[in-house]
């Protein structure tokens, strides 16, 4: 047994699981149980945030072992705050590794009906959403930062699932994972206006907070946006039943001992992996 294998076995990731169904595993990773260092400590599997490649690969193998899947069945797209999605079908795994990486380049939602495949998205304040179609046994993972939210990425993904899997919103179960709260998500007027233009109910999702120490010439009040509520409203508008949406209201900014927060730790830090597997 080599050192890398030994480290992988010794470092078991601590995952936060969600109860959806007996034949589904849904979770968000915490910062604990990996080998990454510094702002990436300790569990990070994202290759696009500056962490050590060796640590990332050890963490990925550790997660695959924990989930009892092949590490090649761990899908981690390179997200760009778009509203694009990809379907992960059986044919995907027959392609060369470099082609597989190209397919999940520049996408912010993935979906599948393949068994024992972990699809997921990476977040560190942005809102992760996991969807499970209880009738057609299909799933999706969505990265909804403010740019994706203002593009209504969750609604577009649900519509895509309807086309691909015949998914009906009322048959969906959903998870809103760890993300930044209204109290901590301050935005400029230009971001606020984009949500206005996208026809969000601003009275429900926006609130002005007083700036404790405003800079010279700065207004003493700043807009804050509730990204979790924005995506919940988008799901309910599509027909997802309120009782089928799980939101444990974990704020990443307030809980950096357990979860990564780019706004608090800086962009050169780890990412939470939010995954879902069909069994």
C-alpha atoms as a PDB file:
ATOM      1  CA  UNK A   1       0.000   0.000   0.000  1.00  0.00           C
ATOM      2  CA  UNK A   2       1.548   3.339  -1.072  1.00  0.00           C
ATOM      3  CA  UNK A   3       1.424   6.590   0.927  1.00  0.00           C
ATOM      4  CA  UNK A   4      -1.275   8.154  -1.274  1.00  0.00           C
ATOM      5  CA  UNK A   5      -3.578   5.160  -0.794  1.00  0.00           C
ATOM      6  CA  UNK A   6      -2.944   5.180   2.962  1.00  0.00           C
ATOM      7  CA  UNK A   7      -3.743   8.918   3.212  1.00  0.00           C
ATOM      8  CA  UNK A   8      -6.928   8.401   1.230  1.00  0.00           C
ATOM      9  CA  UNK A   9      -8.103   5.668   3.590  1.00  0.00           C
ATOM     10  CA  UNK A  10      -7.211   7.657   6.724  1.00  0.00           C
ATOM     11  CA  UNK A  11      -8.963  10.874   5.643  1.00  0.00           C
ATOM     12  CA  UNK A  12     -12.676  10.255   5.334  1.00  0.00           C
ATOM     13  CA  UNK A  13     -14.693  13.323   4.308  1.00  0.00           C
ATOM     14  CA  UNK A  14     -17.366  14.556   6.692  1.00  0.00           C
ATOM     15  CA  UNK A  15     -20.529  14.993   4.644  1.00  0.00           C
ATOM     16  CA  UNK A  16     -23.826  16.685   5.453  1.00  0.00           C
ATOM     17  CA  UNK A  17     -26.569  14.393   4.143  1.00  0.00           C
ATOM     18  CA  UNK A  18     -30.152  15.227   3.142  1.00  0.00           C
ATOM     19  CA  UNK A  19     -33.098  12.829   3.397  1.00  0.00           C
ATOM     20  CA  UNK A  20     -34.768  12.566  -0.006  1.00  0.00           C
ATOM     21  CA  UNK A  21     -35.503   8.887  -0.669  1.00  0.00           C
ATOM     22  CA  UNK A  22     -34.117   5.434   0.127  1.00  0.00           C
ATOM     23  CA  UNK A  23     -32.645   5.061  -3.342  1.00  0.00           C
ATOM     24  CA  UNK A  24     -30.992   8.503  -3.452  1.00  0.00           C
ATOM     25  CA  UNK A  25     -27.900   9.882  -1.710  1.00  0.00           C
ATOM     26  CA  UNK A  26     -27.762  13.687  -1.496  1.00  0.00           C
ATOM     27  CA  UNK A  27     -25.146  15.643   0.426  1.00  0.00           C
ATOM     28  CA  UNK A  28     -22.932  18.702   0.806  1.00  0.00           C
ATOM     29  CA  UNK A  29     -19.286  18.352   1.771  1.00  0.00           C
ATOM     30  CA  UNK A  30     -17.881  20.151   4.797  1.00  0.00           C
ATOM     31  CA  UNK A  31     -14.324  21.416   5.274  1.00  0.00           C
ATOM     32  CA  UNK A  32     -13.442  18.368   7.359  1.00  0.00           C
ATOM     33  CA  UNK A  33     -11.824  15.047   6.528  1.00  0.00           C
ATOM     34  CA  UNK A  34      -9.409  15.905   3.716  1.00  0.00           C
ATOM     35  CA  UNK A  35      -5.734  16.636   3.102  1.00  0.00           C
ATOM     36  CA  UNK A  36      -5.847  20.171   1.650  1.00  0.00           C
ATOM     37  CA  UNK A  37      -4.034  22.958   3.504  1.00  0.00           C
ATOM     38  CA  UNK A  38      -4.551  26.629   4.392  1.00  0.00           C
ATOM     39  CA  UNK A  39      -7.702  28.248   2.995  1.00  0.00           C
ATOM     40  CA  UNK A  40      -8.408  24.945   1.221  1.00  0.00           C
ATOM     41  CA  UNK A  41      -8.340  22.915   4.440  1.00  0.00           C
ATOM     42  CA  UNK A  42      -9.195  20.331   4.608  1.00  0.00           C
ATOM     43  CA  UNK A  43     -11.605  18.856   2.068  1.00  0.00           C
ATOM     44  CA  UNK A  44     -11.689  20.388  -1.405  1.00  0.00           C
ATOM     45  CA  UNK A  45     -12.128  18.531  -4.717  1.00  0.00           C
ATOM     46  CA  UNK A  46     -12.419  21.537  -7.033  1.00  0.00           C
ATOM     47  CA  UNK A  47      -9.573  21.855  -9.556  1.00  0.00           C
ATOM     48  CA  UNK A  48     -10.359  25.440 -10.508  1.00  0.00           C
ATOM     49  CA  UNK A  49      -9.679  27.375  -7.303  1.00  0.00           C
ATOM     50  CA  UNK A  50      -5.900  27.086  -6.839  1.00  0.00           C
ATOM     51  CA  UNK A  51      -5.565  24.082  -4.518  1.00  0.00           C
ATOM     52  CA  UNK A  52      -2.754  21.518  -4.759  1.00  0.00           C
ATOM     53  CA  UNK A  53      -3.503  18.988  -7.549  1.00  0.00           C
ATOM     54  CA  UNK A  54      -2.194  16.137  -5.379  1.00  0.00           C
ATOM     55  CA  UNK A  55      -4.488  17.097  -2.488  1.00  0.00           C
ATOM     56  CA  UNK A  56      -7.464  17.398  -4.836  1.00  0.00           C
ATOM     57  CA  UNK A  57      -6.913  13.936  -6.291  1.00  0.00           C
ATOM     58  CA  UNK A  58      -6.503  12.379  -2.825  1.00  0.00           C
ATOM     59  CA  UNK A  59      -9.713  14.066  -1.692  1.00  0.00           C
ATOM     60  CA  UNK A  60     -11.564  12.893  -4.800  1.00  0.00           C
ATOM     61  CA  UNK A  61     -10.492   9.297  -4.244  1.00  0.00           C
ATOM     62  CA  UNK A  62     -11.489   9.562  -0.590  1.00  0.00           C
ATOM     63  CA  UNK A  63     -14.952  10.838  -1.515  1.00  0.00           C
ATOM     64  CA  UNK A  64     -15.435   8.124  -4.151  1.00  0.00           C
ATOM     65  CA  UNK A  65     -14.484   5.478  -1.584  1.00  0.00           C
ATOM     66  CA  UNK A  66     -16.912   6.972   0.925  1.00  0.00           C
ATOM     67  CA  UNK A  67     -19.725   6.974  -1.645  1.00  0.00           C
ATOM     68  CA  UNK A  68     -18.751   3.508  -2.937  1.00  0.00           C
ATOM     69  CA  UNK A  69     -18.446   4.626  -6.539  1.00  0.00           C
ATOM     70  CA  UNK A  70     -15.650   4.712  -9.112  1.00  0.00           C
ATOM     71  CA  UNK A  71     -13.753   8.015  -8.979  1.00  0.00           C
ATOM     72  CA  UNK A  72     -14.498   8.478 -12.702  1.00  0.00           C
ATOM     73  CA  UNK A  73     -18.198   8.548 -11.803  1.00  0.00           C
ATOM     74  CA  UNK A  74     -17.636  11.735  -9.768  1.00  0.00           C
ATOM     75  CA  UNK A  75     -18.815  14.633 -11.949  1.00  0.00           C
ATOM     76  CA  UNK A  76     -17.394  18.073 -11.064  1.00  0.00           C
ATOM     77  CA  UNK A  77     -18.101  20.620 -13.815  1.00  0.00           C
ATOM     78  CA  UNK A  78     -16.104  23.805 -14.390  1.00  0.00           C
ATOM     79  CA  UNK A  79     -18.726  26.455 -13.653  1.00  0.00           C
ATOM     80  CA  UNK A  80     -18.777  29.950 -15.163  1.00  0.00           C
ATOM     81  CA  UNK A  81     -21.985  31.490 -13.725  1.00  0.00           C
ATOM     82  CA  UNK A  82     -23.939  30.567 -16.846  1.00  0.00           C
ATOM     83  CA  UNK A  83     -27.398  29.054 -17.247  1.00  0.00           C
ATOM     84  CA  UNK A  84     -26.117  26.111 -19.305  1.00  0.00           C
ATOM     85  CA  UNK A  85     -26.696  22.473 -18.367  1.00  0.00           C
ATOM     86  CA  UNK A  86     -25.327  19.099 -19.468  1.00  0.00           C
ATOM     87  CA  UNK A  87     -26.870  15.643 -19.555  1.00  0.00           C
ATOM     88  CA  UNK A  88     -24.647  12.880 -18.175  1.00  0.00           C
ATOM     89  CA  UNK A  89     -25.673   9.701 -19.984  1.00  0.00           C
ATOM     90  CA  UNK A  90     -24.032   6.279 -20.219  1.00  0.00           C
ATOM     91  CA  UNK A  91     -22.201   7.273 -23.409  1.00  0.00           C
ATOM     92  CA  UNK A  92     -20.310   9.971 -21.495  1.00  0.00           C
ATOM     93  CA  UNK A  93     -18.248   7.370 -19.636  1.00  0.00           C
ATOM     94  CA  UNK A  94     -17.120   5.684 -22.856  1.00  0.00           C
ATOM     95  CA  UNK A  95     -15.317   8.853 -23.996  1.00  0.00           C
ATOM     96  CA  UNK A  96     -11.627   9.681 -23.427  1.00  0.00           C
ATOM     97  CA  UNK A  97     -10.907  11.653 -20.248  1.00  0.00           C
ATOM     98  CA  UNK A  98     -10.036  14.875 -22.102  1.00  0.00           C
ATOM     99  CA  UNK A  99     -13.329  14.796 -24.012  1.00  0.00           C
ATOM    100  CA  UNK A 100     -15.264  14.194 -20.801  1.00  0.00           C
ATOM    101  CA  UNK A 101     -13.605  17.259 -19.281  1.00  0.00           C
ATOM    102  CA  UNK A 102     -14.526  19.356 -22.327  1.00  0.00           C
ATOM    103  CA  UNK A 103     -18.170  18.311 -22.050  1.00  0.00           C
ATOM    104  CA  UNK A 104     -18.466  19.620 -18.477  1.00  0.00           C
ATOM    105  CA  UNK A 105     -16.487  22.792 -19.179  1.00  0.00           C
ATOM    106  CA  UNK A 106     -18.451  26.021 -18.746  1.00  0.00           C
ATOM    107  CA  UNK A 107     -21.688  24.547 -17.391  1.00  0.00           C
ATOM    108  CA  UNK A 108     -23.556  25.296 -14.162  1.00  0.00           C
ATOM    109  CA  UNK A 109     -26.077  22.470 -14.041  1.00  0.00           C
ATOM    110  CA  UNK A 110     -25.797  18.739 -14.668  1.00  0.00           C
ATOM    111  CA  UNK A 111     -28.485  16.067 -14.812  1.00  0.00           C
ATOM    112  CA  UNK A 112     -28.611  12.299 -15.107  1.00  0.00           C
ATOM    113  CA  UNK A 113     -30.739   9.180 -14.769  1.00  0.00           C
ATOM    114  CA  UNK A 114     -27.686   6.896 -14.572  1.00  0.00           C
ATOM    115  CA  UNK A 115     -27.263   4.822 -11.433  1.00  0.00           C
ATOM    116  CA  UNK A 116     -24.182   5.091  -9.175  1.00  0.00           C
ATOM    117  CA  UNK A 117     -23.056   8.357 -10.772  1.00  0.00           C
ATOM    118  CA  UNK A 118     -22.450  11.344  -8.523  1.00  0.00           C
ATOM    119  CA  UNK A 119     -23.361  14.598 -10.230  1.00  0.00           C
ATOM    120  CA  UNK A 120     -22.643  17.771  -8.323  1.00  0.00           C
ATOM    121  CA  UNK A 121     -21.748  21.444  -8.266  1.00  0.00           C
ATOM    122  CA  UNK A 122     -19.140  23.446  -6.364  1.00  0.00           C
ATOM    123  CA  UNK A 123     -20.084  26.432  -4.203  1.00  0.00           C
ATOM    124  CA  UNK A 124     -18.639  28.814  -1.625  1.00  0.00           C
ATOM    125  CA  UNK A 125     -21.531  31.267  -0.965  1.00  0.00           C
ATOM    126  CA  UNK A 126     -23.460  30.662  -4.190  1.00  0.00           C
ATOM    127  CA  UNK A 127     -26.597  28.565  -3.811  1.00  0.00           C
ATOM    128  CA  UNK A 128     -26.490  24.837  -4.630  1.00  0.00           C
ATOM    129  CA  UNK A 129     -29.760  23.166  -5.588  1.00  0.00           C
ATOM    130  CA  UNK A 130     -30.250  19.409  -5.873  1.00  0.00           C
ATOM    131  CA  UNK A 131     -33.334  18.028  -7.614  1.00  0.00           C
ATOM    132  CA  UNK A 132     -34.772  14.515  -7.579  1.00  0.00           C
ATOM    133  CA  UNK A 133     -37.577  13.342  -9.873  1.00  0.00           C
ATOM    134  CA  UNK A 134     -39.421  10.771  -7.753  1.00  0.00           C
ATOM    135  CA  UNK A 135     -41.375   9.297 -10.679  1.00  0.00           C
ATOM    136  CA  UNK A 136     -38.704   9.002 -13.375  1.00  0.00           C
ATOM    137  CA  UNK A 137     -35.700   8.481 -11.048  1.00  0.00           C
ATOM    138  CA  UNK A 138     -33.648  11.323 -12.473  1.00  0.00           C
ATOM    139  CA  UNK A 139     -31.612  14.020 -10.751  1.00  0.00           C
ATOM    140  CA  UNK A 140     -29.994  17.388 -11.303  1.00  0.00           C
ATOM    141  CA  UNK A 141     -27.434  19.549  -9.511  1.00  0.00           C
ATOM    142  CA  UNK A 142     -27.493  23.324 -10.059  1.00  0.00           C
ATOM    143  CA  UNK A 143     -25.052  26.127  -9.223  1.00  0.00           C
ATOM    144  CA  UNK A 144     -27.034  29.326  -8.673  1.00  0.00           C
ATOM    145  CA  UNK A 145     -24.880  32.321  -7.857  1.00  0.00           C
ATOM    146  CA  UNK A 146     -26.465  35.730  -8.322  1.00  0.00           C
ATOM    147  CA  UNK A 147     -25.694  35.643 -12.051  1.00  0.00           C
ATOM    148  CA  UNK A 148     -27.263  32.210 -12.486  1.00  0.00           C
ATOM    149  CA  UNK A 149     -30.191  33.160 -10.284  1.00  0.00           C
ATOM    150  CA  UNK A 150     -30.941  36.310 -12.261  1.00  0.00           C
ATOM    151  CA  UNK A 151     -30.924  34.111 -15.394  1.00  0.00           C
ATOM    152  CA  UNK A 152     -33.467  31.778 -13.712  1.00  0.00           C
ATOM    153  CA  UNK A 153     -31.138  28.774 -14.050  1.00  0.00           C
ATOM    154  CA  UNK A 154     -33.242  26.590 -11.763  1.00  0.00           C
ATOM    155  CA  UNK A 155     -36.358  27.096 -13.895  1.00  0.00           C
ATOM    156  CA  UNK A 156     -34.417  26.414 -17.102  1.00  0.00           C
ATOM    157  CA  UNK A 157     -32.997  23.207 -15.630  1.00  0.00           C
ATOM    158  CA  UNK A 158     -36.437  21.986 -14.542  1.00  0.00           C
ATOM    159  CA  UNK A 159     -37.747  22.664 -18.060  1.00  0.00           C
ATOM    160  CA  UNK A 160     -34.787  20.726 -19.514  1.00  0.00           C
ATOM    161  CA  UNK A 161     -35.533  17.797 -17.192  1.00  0.00           C
ATOM    162  CA  UNK A 162     -39.095  17.887 -18.487  1.00  0.00           C
ATOM    163  CA  UNK A 163     -37.851  17.522 -22.050  1.00  0.00           C
ATOM    164  CA  UNK A 164     -35.259  14.831 -21.318  1.00  0.00           C
ATOM    165  CA  UNK A 165     -36.935  12.774 -18.564  1.00  0.00           C
ATOM    166  CA  UNK A 166     -40.602  13.910 -18.730  1.00  0.00           C
ATOM    167  CA  UNK A 167     -40.138  15.430 -15.268  1.00  0.00           C
ATOM    168  CA  UNK A 168     -43.095  17.275 -13.779  1.00  0.00           C
ATOM    169  CA  UNK A 169     -42.272  19.948 -11.167  1.00  0.00           C
ATOM    170  CA  UNK A 170     -44.852  18.639  -8.676  1.00  0.00           C
ATOM    171  CA  UNK A 171     -43.001  15.287  -8.654  1.00  0.00           C
ATOM    172  CA  UNK A 172     -39.681  16.893  -7.710  1.00  0.00           C
ATOM    173  CA  UNK A 173     -37.973  16.895  -4.360  1.00  0.00           C
ATOM    174  CA  UNK A 174     -35.423  19.694  -3.902  1.00  0.00           C
ATOM    175  CA  UNK A 175     -32.571  20.647  -1.615  1.00  0.00           C
ATOM    176  CA  UNK A 176     -31.290  24.182  -1.137  1.00  0.00           C
ATOM    177  CA  UNK A 177     -27.805  23.643   0.232  1.00  0.00           C
ATOM    178  CA  UNK A 178     -25.380  25.844   2.210  1.00  0.00           C
ATOM    179  CA  UNK A 179     -25.108  29.363   0.813  1.00  0.00           C
ATOM    180  CA  UNK A 180     -24.839  32.994   1.819  1.00  0.00           C
ATOM    181  CA  UNK A 181     -27.768  34.501   3.712  1.00  0.00           C
ATOM    182  CA  UNK A 182     -29.698  37.712   3.084  1.00  0.00           C
ATOM    183  CA  UNK A 183     -27.991  39.371   6.052  1.00  0.00           C
ATOM    184  CA  UNK A 184     -24.515  38.791   4.606  1.00  0.00           C
ATOM    185  CA  UNK A 185     -25.093  39.237   0.867  1.00  0.00           C
ATOM    186  CA  UNK A 186     -24.624  42.937   0.226  1.00  0.00           C
ATOM    187  CA  UNK A 187     -24.865  44.007  -3.434  1.00  0.00           C
ATOM    188  CA  UNK A 188     -24.491  47.168  -5.452  1.00  0.00           C
ATOM    189  CA  UNK A 189     -27.360  48.984  -7.130  1.00  0.00           C
ATOM    190  CA  UNK A 190     -26.367  47.526 -10.508  1.00  0.00           C
ATOM    191  CA  UNK A 191     -26.964  43.962  -9.229  1.00  0.00           C
ATOM    192  CA  UNK A 192     -30.243  44.988  -7.603  1.00  0.00           C
ATOM    193  CA  UNK A 193     -31.413  46.462 -10.929  1.00  0.00           C
ATOM    194  CA  UNK A 194     -30.635  43.221 -12.764  1.00  0.00           C
ATOM    195  CA  UNK A 195     -33.002  41.373 -10.428  1.00  0.00           C
ATOM    196  CA  UNK A 196     -35.643  44.055 -11.003  1.00  0.00           C
ATOM    197  CA  UNK A 197     -35.240  43.613 -14.769  1.00  0.00           C
ATOM    198  CA  UNK A 198     -35.521  39.825 -14.357  1.00  0.00           C
ATOM    199  CA  UNK A 199     -38.959  40.339 -12.733  1.00  0.00           C
ATOM    200  CA  UNK A 200     -38.140  39.114  -9.237  1.00  0.00           C
ATOM    201  CA  UNK A 201     -40.429  40.159  -6.395  1.00  0.00           C
ATOM    202  CA  UNK A 202     -38.052  42.669  -4.811  1.00  0.00           C
ATOM    203  CA  UNK A 203     -40.282  43.276  -1.810  1.00  0.00           C
ATOM    204  CA  UNK A 204     -39.764  39.626  -0.868  1.00  0.00           C
ATOM    205  CA  UNK A 205     -36.103  39.045  -1.763  1.00  0.00           C
ATOM    206  CA  UNK A 206     -34.412  42.421  -1.089  1.00  0.00           C
ATOM    207  CA  UNK A 207     -33.829  44.504   2.000  1.00  0.00           C
ATOM    208  CA  UNK A 208     -31.773  47.602   2.790  1.00  0.00           C
ATOM    209  CA  UNK A 209     -29.263  47.308   5.632  1.00  0.00           C
ATOM    210  CA  UNK A 210     -27.407  50.152   7.291  1.00  0.00           C
ATOM    211  CA  UNK A 211     -23.672  50.293   6.590  1.00  0.00           C
ATOM    212  CA  UNK A 212     -21.834  50.463   9.934  1.00  0.00           C
ATOM    213  CA  UNK A 213     -18.895  52.484   8.641  1.00  0.00           C
ATOM    214  CA  UNK A 214     -19.757  53.942   5.216  1.00  0.00           C
ATOM    215  CA  UNK A 215     -16.911  55.233   3.089  1.00  0.00           C
ATOM    216  CA  UNK A 216     -16.746  58.904   2.200  1.00  0.00           C
ATOM    217  CA  UNK A 217     -19.488  59.720  -0.299  1.00  0.00           C
ATOM    218  CA  UNK A 218     -21.124  56.302   0.200  1.00  0.00           C
ATOM    219  CA  UNK A 219     -24.816  55.971   1.064  1.00  0.00           C
ATOM    220  CA  UNK A 220     -25.441  54.675   4.612  1.00  0.00           C
ATOM    221  CA  UNK A 221     -27.818  51.977   3.303  1.00  0.00           C
ATOM    222  CA  UNK A 222     -26.971  49.040   1.026  1.00  0.00           C
ATOM    223  CA  UNK A 223     -29.153  46.482  -0.694  1.00  0.00           C
ATOM    224  CA  UNK A 224     -28.990  42.851   0.415  1.00  0.00           C
ATOM    225  CA  UNK A 225     -30.484  40.011  -1.618  1.00  0.00           C
ATOM    226  CA  UNK A 226     -31.878  36.651  -0.517  1.00  0.00           C
ATOM    227  CA  UNK A 227     -30.592  34.201  -3.136  1.00  0.00           C
ATOM    228  CA  UNK A 228     -32.059  31.170  -1.398  1.00  0.00           C
ATOM    229  CA  UNK A 229     -35.541  32.664  -1.347  1.00  0.00           C
ATOM    230  CA  UNK A 230     -35.149  33.819  -4.963  1.00  0.00           C
ATOM    231  CA  UNK A 231     -34.502  30.246  -6.088  1.00  0.00           C
ATOM    232  CA  UNK A 232     -37.233  28.852  -3.849  1.00  0.00           C
ATOM    233  CA  UNK A 233     -39.722  31.266  -5.448  1.00  0.00           C
ATOM    234  CA  UNK A 234     -38.519  30.233  -8.916  1.00  0.00           C
ATOM    235  CA  UNK A 235     -39.065  26.562  -8.047  1.00  0.00           C
ATOM    236  CA  UNK A 236     -42.500  27.144  -6.529  1.00  0.00           C
ATOM    237  CA  UNK A 237     -43.496  29.265  -9.537  1.00  0.00           C
ATOM    238  CA  UNK A 238     -42.671  26.270 -11.736  1.00  0.00           C
ATOM    239  CA  UNK A 239     -44.888  24.030  -9.602  1.00  0.00           C
ATOM    240  CA  UNK A 240     -42.463  22.460  -7.111  1.00  0.00           C
ATOM    241  CA  UNK A 241     -44.449  21.913  -3.924  1.00  0.00           C
ATOM    242  CA  UNK A 242     -43.243  23.986  -0.939  1.00  0.00           C
ATOM    243  CA  UNK A 243     -43.290  20.931   1.346  1.00  0.00           C
ATOM    244  CA  UNK A 244     -40.927  19.146  -1.058  1.00  0.00           C
ATOM    245  CA  UNK A 245     -38.158  21.745  -0.692  1.00  0.00           C
ATOM    246  CA  UNK A 246     -35.533  21.151   1.998  1.00  0.00           C
ATOM    247  CA  UNK A 247     -33.638  24.221   3.209  1.00  0.00           C
ATOM    248  CA  UNK A 248     -31.710  23.881   6.450  1.00  0.00           C
ATOM    249  CA  UNK A 249     -30.752  27.570   6.211  1.00  0.00           C
ATOM    250  CA  UNK A 250     -26.998  27.082   6.564  1.00  0.00           C
ATOM    251  CA  UNK A 251     -25.200  30.376   5.890  1.00  0.00           C
ATOM    252  CA  UNK A 252     -21.691  29.797   4.562  1.00  0.00           C
ATOM    253  CA  UNK A 253     -20.489  33.260   5.595  1.00  0.00           C
ATOM    254  CA  UNK A 254     -21.498  32.644   9.221  1.00  0.00           C
ATOM    255  CA  UNK A 255     -20.148  29.088   9.345  1.00  0.00           C
ATOM    256  CA  UNK A 256     -16.641  29.153   7.861  1.00  0.00           C
ATOM    257  CA  UNK A 257     -15.369  26.597  10.382  1.00  0.00           C
ATOM    258  CA  UNK A 258     -17.482  24.026   8.563  1.00  0.00           C
ATOM    259  CA  UNK A 259     -18.115  25.468   5.080  1.00  0.00           C
ATOM    260  CA  UNK A 260     -16.131  27.498   2.572  1.00  0.00           C
ATOM    261  CA  UNK A 261     -17.108  31.131   1.968  1.00  0.00           C
ATOM    262  CA  UNK A 262     -15.366  33.032  -0.820  1.00  0.00           C
ATOM    263  CA  UNK A 263     -16.725  36.320   0.480  1.00  0.00           C
ATOM    264  CA  UNK A 264     -15.101  35.762   3.884  1.00  0.00           C
ATOM    265  CA  UNK A 265     -12.055  33.619   2.999  1.00  0.00           C
ATOM    266  CA  UNK A 266     -11.334  35.093  -0.448  1.00  0.00           C
ATOM    267  CA  UNK A 267     -11.646  33.411  -3.845  1.00  0.00           C
ATOM    268  CA  UNK A 268      -8.376  31.536  -3.269  1.00  0.00           C
ATOM    269  CA  UNK A 269     -10.072  29.030  -0.985  1.00  0.00           C
ATOM    270  CA  UNK A 270     -11.840  25.706  -1.221  1.00  0.00           C
ATOM    271  CA  UNK A 271     -15.296  24.869  -2.493  1.00  0.00           C
ATOM    272  CA  UNK A 272     -18.189  22.870  -1.090  1.00  0.00           C
ATOM    273  CA  UNK A 273     -19.179  19.928  -3.296  1.00  0.00           C
ATOM    274  CA  UNK A 274     -22.941  19.343  -3.407  1.00  0.00           C
ATOM    275  CA  UNK A 275     -23.750  15.977  -4.911  1.00  0.00           C
ATOM    276  CA  UNK A 276     -26.579  13.570  -5.626  1.00  0.00           C
ATOM    277  CA  UNK A 277     -26.435   9.873  -6.561  1.00  0.00           C
ATOM    278  CA  UNK A 278     -29.188   7.596  -7.826  1.00  0.00           C
ATOM    279  CA  UNK A 279     -29.045   4.060  -6.464  1.00  0.00           C
END
